[in-house]
Amino acid sequence: IPAPWMSAPVVTVDDAALRDAAKELRLGYWVEQIDIQAALLGALALCAEGKSAACIEGLKAAAMREDATEKHAVKPGQLVPARELLAEMLLTQNKFAYALREYEAVMAKEPNRYRTLAGAMAAARGAGDSAKARAMAVEVVKLGSDADSQRATLQQAKQLAGG
């Protein structure tokens, strides 16, 4: 039985129309945010098409744009920062050292993100940096200490942190 959201109608948003409306209202910050999100989607589409080099370049460009943007006063941080998406894509391509560098950049800007720490733990392990992997595991365990979760990353972190 498919999940309810799988049969829900697909709502599409014309990013150009959204950007134009924001531009007309002189909402420069939001125009840039819309453009960054559109660039991320375009880059991820390239990944889905198997164009990994172009995908990585697109994600890097979007991450640089996002880094150059000041956080809006009433907006919380990104749900998933562009640089974290870049790191995850590098991790899936087994580019561990590069992924770790990107995860560390996210941690410097947005500390205590579970996904970032778990990704950094995996990247450090893949890169052969067991000390850094263990340090990240300790942080993942701290973040998940009160969680009622069986996440694989939390279980891995507990094993790695303990040994």
Protein backbone atom coordinates (compact mmCIF):
# COMPACT_ATOMS: atom_id res chain seq x y z
CA ILE A 1 0.00 0.00 0.00
CA PRO A 2 1.58 3.29 -1.03
CA ALA A 3 2.00 6.04 1.52
CA PRO A 4 -0.67 8.79 1.32
CA TRP A 5 1.84 11.36 0.12
CA MET A 6 2.76 9.12 -2.84
CA SER A 7 -0.70 9.50 -4.35
CA ALA A 8 -1.07 13.18 -3.55
CA PRO A 9 -1.22 15.53 -6.52
CA VAL A 10 2.09 17.05 -7.44
CA VAL A 11 2.21 20.78 -6.91
CA THR A 12 4.66 22.56 -9.14
CA VAL A 13 5.99 26.03 -8.58
CA ASP A 14 7.32 28.13 -11.39
CA ASP A 15 10.51 29.41 -9.78
CA ALA A 16 10.77 32.21 -12.35
CA ALA A 17 7.27 33.45 -11.46
CA LEU A 18 8.05 33.20 -7.75
CA ARG A 19 11.35 35.04 -8.23
CA ASP A 20 9.66 37.72 -10.36
CA ALA A 21 6.96 38.25 -7.73
CA ALA A 22 9.59 38.61 -5.01
CA LYS A 23 11.58 40.97 -7.24
CA GLU A 24 8.50 43.08 -7.91
CA LEU A 25 7.95 43.35 -4.16
CA ARG A 26 11.60 44.38 -3.77
CA LEU A 27 12.43 41.40 -1.62
CA GLY A 28 16.04 41.06 -2.74
CA TYR A 29 17.02 38.58 -0.05
CA TRP A 30 14.21 36.23 -1.05
CA VAL A 31 14.99 36.58 -4.75
CA GLU A 32 18.49 35.29 -4.00
CA GLN A 33 17.13 32.46 -1.84
CA ILE A 34 14.78 31.37 -4.63
CA ASP A 35 17.67 31.44 -7.10
CA ILE A 36 19.87 29.37 -4.77
CA GLN A 37 17.14 26.78 -4.27
CA ALA A 38 16.54 26.60 -8.03
CA ALA A 39 20.29 26.11 -8.59
CA LEU A 40 20.33 23.31 -6.01
CA LEU A 41 17.43 21.55 -7.72
CA GLY A 42 19.13 21.92 -11.08
CA ALA A 43 22.36 20.43 -9.71
CA LEU A 44 20.52 17.54 -8.06
CA ALA A 45 18.72 16.86 -11.34
CA LEU A 46 22.15 16.52 -12.97
CA CYS A 47 23.06 13.96 -10.30
CA ALA A 48 19.90 12.01 -11.07
CA GLU A 49 20.86 12.04 -14.75
CA GLY A 50 24.25 10.55 -13.90
CA LYS A 51 26.17 13.75 -14.66
CA SER A 52 28.12 13.69 -11.41
CA ALA A 53 30.88 16.18 -12.33
CA ALA A 54 28.35 18.81 -13.44
CA CYS A 55 26.23 18.02 -10.39
CA ILE A 56 29.17 18.61 -8.01
CA GLU A 57 30.07 21.87 -9.76
CA GLY A 58 26.47 23.06 -9.51
CA LEU A 59 26.29 22.15 -5.82
CA LYS A 60 29.59 23.96 -5.17
CA ALA A 61 28.31 27.09 -6.90
CA ALA A 62 25.04 27.01 -4.93
CA ALA A 63 26.94 26.47 -1.67
CA MET A 64 29.19 29.44 -2.40
CA ARG A 65 26.14 31.62 -3.10
CA GLU A 66 24.49 30.46 0.10
CA ASP A 67 27.67 31.14 2.09
CA ALA A 68 27.81 34.67 0.70
CA THR A 69 24.24 35.37 1.81
CA GLU A 70 23.64 36.78 5.26
CA LYS A 71 20.98 35.03 7.31
CA HIS A 72 17.69 36.88 7.35
CA ALA A 73 16.76 38.26 10.77
CA VAL A 74 13.52 36.30 11.07
CA LYS A 75 14.50 33.18 9.14
CA PRO A 76 15.95 30.14 10.86
CA GLY A 77 18.92 28.38 9.30
CA GLN A 78 18.54 26.22 6.21
CA LEU A 79 16.74 22.92 6.67
CA VAL A 80 19.55 21.36 4.67
CA PRO A 81 22.42 23.70 3.86
CA ALA A 82 23.68 23.59 0.27
CA ARG A 83 27.17 22.68 1.48
CA GLU A 84 25.73 19.70 3.37
CA LEU A 85 24.08 18.49 0.16
CA LEU A 86 27.44 18.88 -1.58
CA ALA A 87 29.15 16.88 1.17
CA GLU A 88 26.54 14.13 0.97
CA MET A 89 26.98 13.87 -2.78
CA LEU A 90 30.77 13.70 -2.40
CA LEU A 91 30.31 11.00 0.24
CA THR A 92 28.16 8.91 -2.13
CA GLN A 93 30.96 9.19 -4.69
CA ASN A 94 33.50 7.94 -2.12
CA LYS A 95 35.36 11.25 -2.18
CA PHE A 96 35.79 11.02 1.56
CA ALA A 97 38.44 13.69 2.19
CA TYR A 98 36.53 16.24 0.11
CA ALA A 99 33.25 15.34 1.80
CA LEU A 100 34.86 15.71 5.22
CA ARG A 101 36.15 19.17 4.32
CA GLU A 102 32.65 20.25 3.26
CA TYR A 103 31.04 18.79 6.39
CA GLU A 104 33.59 20.65 8.52
CA ALA A 105 32.69 23.89 6.73
CA VAL A 106 29.02 23.31 7.61
CA MET A 107 29.92 22.57 11.24
CA ALA A 108 31.89 25.82 11.48
CA LYS A 109 28.86 27.80 10.36
CA GLU A 110 26.06 25.68 11.85
CA PRO A 111 27.29 23.56 14.77
CA ASN A 112 25.45 20.59 16.27
CA ARG A 113 23.62 19.44 13.14
CA TYR A 114 23.00 15.71 13.48
CA ARG A 115 23.13 14.97 9.74
CA THR A 116 26.33 16.97 9.37
CA LEU A 117 28.06 15.23 12.27
CA ALA A 118 26.93 11.78 11.13
CA GLY A 119 28.10 12.52 7.59
CA ALA A 120 31.42 13.83 8.88
CA MET A 121 31.82 10.66 10.94
CA ALA A 122 31.29 8.52 7.83
CA ALA A 123 33.58 10.70 5.72
CA ALA A 124 36.35 10.59 8.32
CA ARG A 125 36.06 6.80 8.52
CA GLY A 126 36.21 6.55 4.75
CA ALA A 127 39.22 8.87 4.64
CA GLY A 128 41.01 6.69 7.20
CA ASP A 129 41.01 9.31 9.95
CA SER A 130 39.87 7.12 12.85
CA ALA A 131 40.57 9.76 15.52
CA LYS A 132 38.36 12.31 13.78
CA ALA A 133 35.71 9.67 13.10
CA ARG A 134 35.67 8.77 16.80
CA ALA A 135 35.44 12.45 17.81
CA MET A 136 32.47 12.92 15.47
CA ALA A 137 30.89 9.73 16.83
CA VAL A 138 31.11 11.11 20.36
CA GLU A 139 29.28 14.25 19.21
CA VAL A 140 26.60 12.23 17.38
CA VAL A 141 26.05 10.16 20.54
CA LYS A 142 25.72 13.35 22.61
CA LEU A 143 23.13 14.76 20.22
CA GLY A 144 21.21 11.50 20.20
CA SER A 145 21.54 10.74 23.89
CA ASP A 146 17.87 11.40 24.62
CA ALA A 147 16.59 10.11 21.29
CA ASP A 148 14.19 7.23 21.07
CA SER A 149 15.66 6.16 17.76
CA GLN A 150 17.18 3.16 16.10
CA ARG A 151 18.93 5.19 13.40
CA ALA A 152 21.80 3.27 11.89
CA THR A 153 24.07 6.31 12.19
CA LEU A 154 23.38 6.58 15.91
CA GLN A 155 24.09 2.88 16.42
CA GLN A 156 27.32 3.19 14.41
CA ALA A 157 28.32 6.25 16.42
CA LYS A 158 27.72 4.40 19.70
CA GLN A 159 29.91 1.53 18.55
CA LEU A 160 32.65 3.83 17.28
CA ALA A 161 32.58 6.14 20.30
CA GLY A 162 32.81 3.22 22.66
CA GLY A 163 35.85 1.71 21.05
